[in-house]
Amino acid sequence: MKKVIRDGNVAVLFSPGYGAGWYTWHNQEELIYHPTLIEMVEQNRQSEITEELCRTLVTNFDENNYIYVGGAEDLRIEWMPVGSQFKIDEYDGAESILYKENDWWLTA
């Protein structure tokens, strides 16, 4: 899987705006790391991110699947240390990144 790594940090895309999530609404892991999309966000070209473009970026994309890109307009980059464990959470379309080491776990 292609990723953008700078100074020991990986670029991860997420959509913090309310209305539509990014990863949580399409579940294509490649699209949160893809260098083409990272570059587009860095250049404020989110409006050019389309379903057609994303289909071409996903390896082994199943033509029967659908990629919802409504959250693309609000995409932001989170730079996190290589090897960080995280999950992307969503509430009402707004995504947030939860790091495993910062997440609070209960033990029975």
C-alpha atoms as a PDB file:
ATOM      1  CA  MET A   1       0.000   0.000   0.000  1.00  0.00           C
ATOM      2  CA  LYS A   2       1.392   3.409  -0.960  1.00  0.00           C
ATOM      3  CA  LYS A   3       1.857   5.957   1.832  1.00  0.00           C
ATOM      4  CA  VAL A   4       3.378   9.406   2.196  1.00  0.00           C
ATOM      5  CA  ILE A   5       6.040   9.394   4.919  1.00  0.00           C
ATOM      6  CA  ARG A   6       7.940  12.513   5.957  1.00  0.00           C
ATOM      7  CA  ASP A   7      10.237  12.913   8.950  1.00  0.00           C
ATOM      8  CA  GLY A   8       9.058   9.591  10.397  1.00  0.00           C
ATOM      9  CA  ASN A   9       5.359  10.481  10.123  1.00  0.00           C
ATOM     10  CA  VAL A  10       2.655   8.999   7.900  1.00  0.00           C
ATOM     11  CA  ALA A  11      -0.018  11.182   6.291  1.00  0.00           C
ATOM     12  CA  VAL A  12      -3.546   9.955   7.071  1.00  0.00           C
ATOM     13  CA  LEU A  13      -6.686  11.500   5.577  1.00  0.00           C
ATOM     14  CA  PHE A  14      -9.842  12.005   7.599  1.00  0.00           C
ATOM     15  CA  SER A  15     -12.884  14.260   7.366  1.00  0.00           C
ATOM     16  CA  PRO A  16     -13.639  16.160  10.598  1.00  0.00           C
ATOM     17  CA  GLY A  17     -16.592  18.122   9.181  1.00  0.00           C
ATOM     18  CA  TYR A  18     -20.173  17.142   9.981  1.00  0.00           C
ATOM     19  CA  GLY A  19     -22.368  15.727   7.238  1.00  0.00           C
ATOM     20  CA  ALA A  20     -20.346  12.935   5.641  1.00  0.00           C
ATOM     21  CA  GLY A  21     -17.345  10.924   6.696  1.00  0.00           C
ATOM     22  CA  TRP A  22     -14.472   9.909   4.458  1.00  0.00           C
ATOM     23  CA  TYR A  23     -13.046   6.535   5.469  1.00  0.00           C
ATOM     24  CA  THR A  24     -16.053   5.638   7.621  1.00  0.00           C
ATOM     25  CA  TRP A  25     -18.355   5.997   4.628  1.00  0.00           C
ATOM     26  CA  HIS A  26     -16.316   4.006   2.073  1.00  0.00           C
ATOM     27  CA  ASN A  27     -13.994   1.756   4.165  1.00  0.00           C
ATOM     28  CA  GLN A  28     -11.256   1.680   1.516  1.00  0.00           C
ATOM     29  CA  GLU A  29      -8.078   1.783   3.608  1.00  0.00           C
ATOM     30  CA  GLU A  30      -5.889   2.650   0.628  1.00  0.00           C
ATOM     31  CA  LEU A  31      -7.718   5.949   0.232  1.00  0.00           C
ATOM     32  CA  ILE A  32      -6.676   7.295   3.630  1.00  0.00           C
ATOM     33  CA  TYR A  33      -2.991   6.983   2.685  1.00  0.00           C
ATOM     34  CA  HIS A  34      -2.861   7.396  -1.093  1.00  0.00           C
ATOM     35  CA  PRO A  35      -0.126   9.831  -2.240  1.00  0.00           C
ATOM     36  CA  THR A  36      -2.291  11.281  -5.015  1.00  0.00           C
ATOM     37  CA  LEU A  37      -5.029  12.247  -2.557  1.00  0.00           C
ATOM     38  CA  ILE A  38      -2.526  13.543   0.017  1.00  0.00           C
ATOM     39  CA  GLU A  39      -1.028  15.802  -2.648  1.00  0.00           C
ATOM     40  CA  MET A  40      -4.466  17.034  -3.709  1.00  0.00           C
ATOM     41  CA  VAL A  41      -5.388  17.928  -0.115  1.00  0.00           C
ATOM     42  CA  GLU A  42      -2.060  19.704   0.394  1.00  0.00           C
ATOM     43  CA  GLN A  43      -2.883  21.765  -2.694  1.00  0.00           C
ATOM     44  CA  ASN A  44      -6.478  22.467  -1.518  1.00  0.00           C
ATOM     45  CA  ARG A  45      -7.889  20.534  -4.483  1.00  0.00           C
ATOM     46  CA  GLN A  46     -10.441  18.492  -2.497  1.00  0.00           C
ATOM     47  CA  SER A  47     -13.189  19.520  -4.925  1.00  0.00           C
ATOM     48  CA  GLU A  48     -11.412  17.502  -7.636  1.00  0.00           C
ATOM     49  CA  ILE A  49     -11.609  14.239  -5.684  1.00  0.00           C
ATOM     50  CA  THR A  50     -14.276  12.159  -7.393  1.00  0.00           C
ATOM     51  CA  GLU A  51     -15.580   8.617  -7.151  1.00  0.00           C
ATOM     52  CA  GLU A  52     -14.099   7.900 -10.592  1.00  0.00           C
ATOM     53  CA  LEU A  53     -10.638   9.047  -9.477  1.00  0.00           C
ATOM     54  CA  CYS A  54     -10.817   7.011  -6.268  1.00  0.00           C
ATOM     55  CA  ARG A  55     -11.847   3.882  -8.176  1.00  0.00           C
ATOM     56  CA  THR A  56      -8.640   4.139 -10.221  1.00  0.00           C
ATOM     57  CA  LEU A  57      -6.512   4.488  -7.081  1.00  0.00           C
ATOM     58  CA  VAL A  58      -7.781   1.409  -5.232  1.00  0.00           C
ATOM     59  CA  THR A  59      -5.861  -1.780  -6.020  1.00  0.00           C
ATOM     60  CA  ASN A  60      -8.162  -4.647  -6.996  1.00  0.00           C
ATOM     61  CA  PHE A  61     -11.263  -2.444  -6.812  1.00  0.00           C
ATOM     62  CA  ASP A  62     -14.481  -4.441  -7.148  1.00  0.00           C
ATOM     63  CA  GLU A  63     -16.614  -2.764  -9.811  1.00  0.00           C
ATOM     64  CA  ASN A  64     -19.739  -3.751  -7.863  1.00  0.00           C
ATOM     65  CA  ASN A  65     -18.683  -1.556  -4.936  1.00  0.00           C
ATOM     66  CA  TYR A  66     -19.438   2.117  -4.514  1.00  0.00           C
ATOM     67  CA  ILE A  67     -17.089   4.734  -3.099  1.00  0.00           C
ATOM     68  CA  TYR A  68     -18.892   7.623  -1.471  1.00  0.00           C
ATOM     69  CA  VAL A  69     -16.738  10.753  -1.640  1.00  0.00           C
ATOM     70  CA  GLY A  70     -19.073  13.255   0.031  1.00  0.00           C
ATOM     71  CA  GLY A  71     -16.587  13.738   2.864  1.00  0.00           C
ATOM     72  CA  ALA A  72     -13.806  14.739   0.459  1.00  0.00           C
ATOM     73  CA  GLU A  73     -14.591  18.451   0.724  1.00  0.00           C
ATOM     74  CA  ASP A  74     -13.558  18.482   4.401  1.00  0.00           C
ATOM     75  CA  LEU A  75     -10.470  16.266   4.132  1.00  0.00           C
ATOM     76  CA  ARG A  76      -7.578  17.051   6.456  1.00  0.00           C
ATOM     77  CA  ILE A  77      -4.214  15.373   6.985  1.00  0.00           C
ATOM     78  CA  GLU A  78      -3.156  13.932  10.337  1.00  0.00           C
ATOM     79  CA  TRP A  79       0.592  13.293  10.510  1.00  0.00           C
ATOM     80  CA  MET A  80       1.244  10.384  12.846  1.00  0.00           C
ATOM     81  CA  PRO A  81       4.420   8.480  13.760  1.00  0.00           C
ATOM     82  CA  VAL A  82       5.126   5.440  11.588  1.00  0.00           C
ATOM     83  CA  GLY A  83       3.717   2.347  13.299  1.00  0.00           C
ATOM     84  CA  SER A  84       1.045   4.195  15.285  1.00  0.00           C
ATOM     85  CA  GLN A  85      -2.072   2.161  15.920  1.00  0.00           C
ATOM     86  CA  PHE A  86      -5.270   4.111  15.449  1.00  0.00           C
ATOM     87  CA  LYS A  87      -8.873   3.968  14.369  1.00  0.00           C
ATOM     88  CA  ILE A  88     -11.071   6.512  12.693  1.00  0.00           C
ATOM     89  CA  ASP A  89     -14.266   7.152  14.588  1.00  0.00           C
ATOM     90  CA  GLU A  90     -17.329   8.928  13.239  1.00  0.00           C
ATOM     91  CA  TYR A  91     -20.268  10.768  14.777  1.00  0.00           C
ATOM     92  CA  ASP A  92     -22.860  12.422  12.534  1.00  0.00           C
ATOM     93  CA  GLY A  93     -20.374  12.381   9.663  1.00  0.00           C
ATOM     94  CA  ALA A  94     -17.562  14.055  11.618  1.00  0.00           C
ATOM     95  CA  GLU A  95     -14.526  11.815  11.822  1.00  0.00           C
ATOM     96  CA  SER A  96     -11.873  11.853  14.521  1.00  0.00           C
ATOM     97  CA  ILE A  97      -8.704   9.838  14.969  1.00  0.00           C
ATOM     98  CA  LEU A  98      -8.285   7.791  18.115  1.00  0.00           C
ATOM     99  CA  TYR A  99      -4.775   6.578  18.914  1.00  0.00           C
ATOM    100  CA  LYS A 100      -4.623   3.213  20.627  1.00  0.00           C
ATOM    101  CA  GLU A 101      -2.253   4.491  23.316  1.00  0.00           C
ATOM    102  CA  ASN A 102      -4.633   7.381  24.116  1.00  0.00           C
ATOM    103  CA  ASP A 103      -7.829   5.338  24.033  1.00  0.00           C
ATOM    104  CA  TRP A 104      -9.252   4.401  27.385  1.00  0.00           C
ATOM    105  CA  TRP A 105      -9.940   0.683  27.731  1.00  0.00           C
ATOM    106  CA  LEU A 106     -11.823  -1.083  30.501  1.00  0.00           C
ATOM    107  CA  THR A 107     -10.766  -4.479  31.765  1.00  0.00           C
ATOM    108  CA  ALA A 108     -13.287  -6.991  33.138  1.00  0.00           C
END
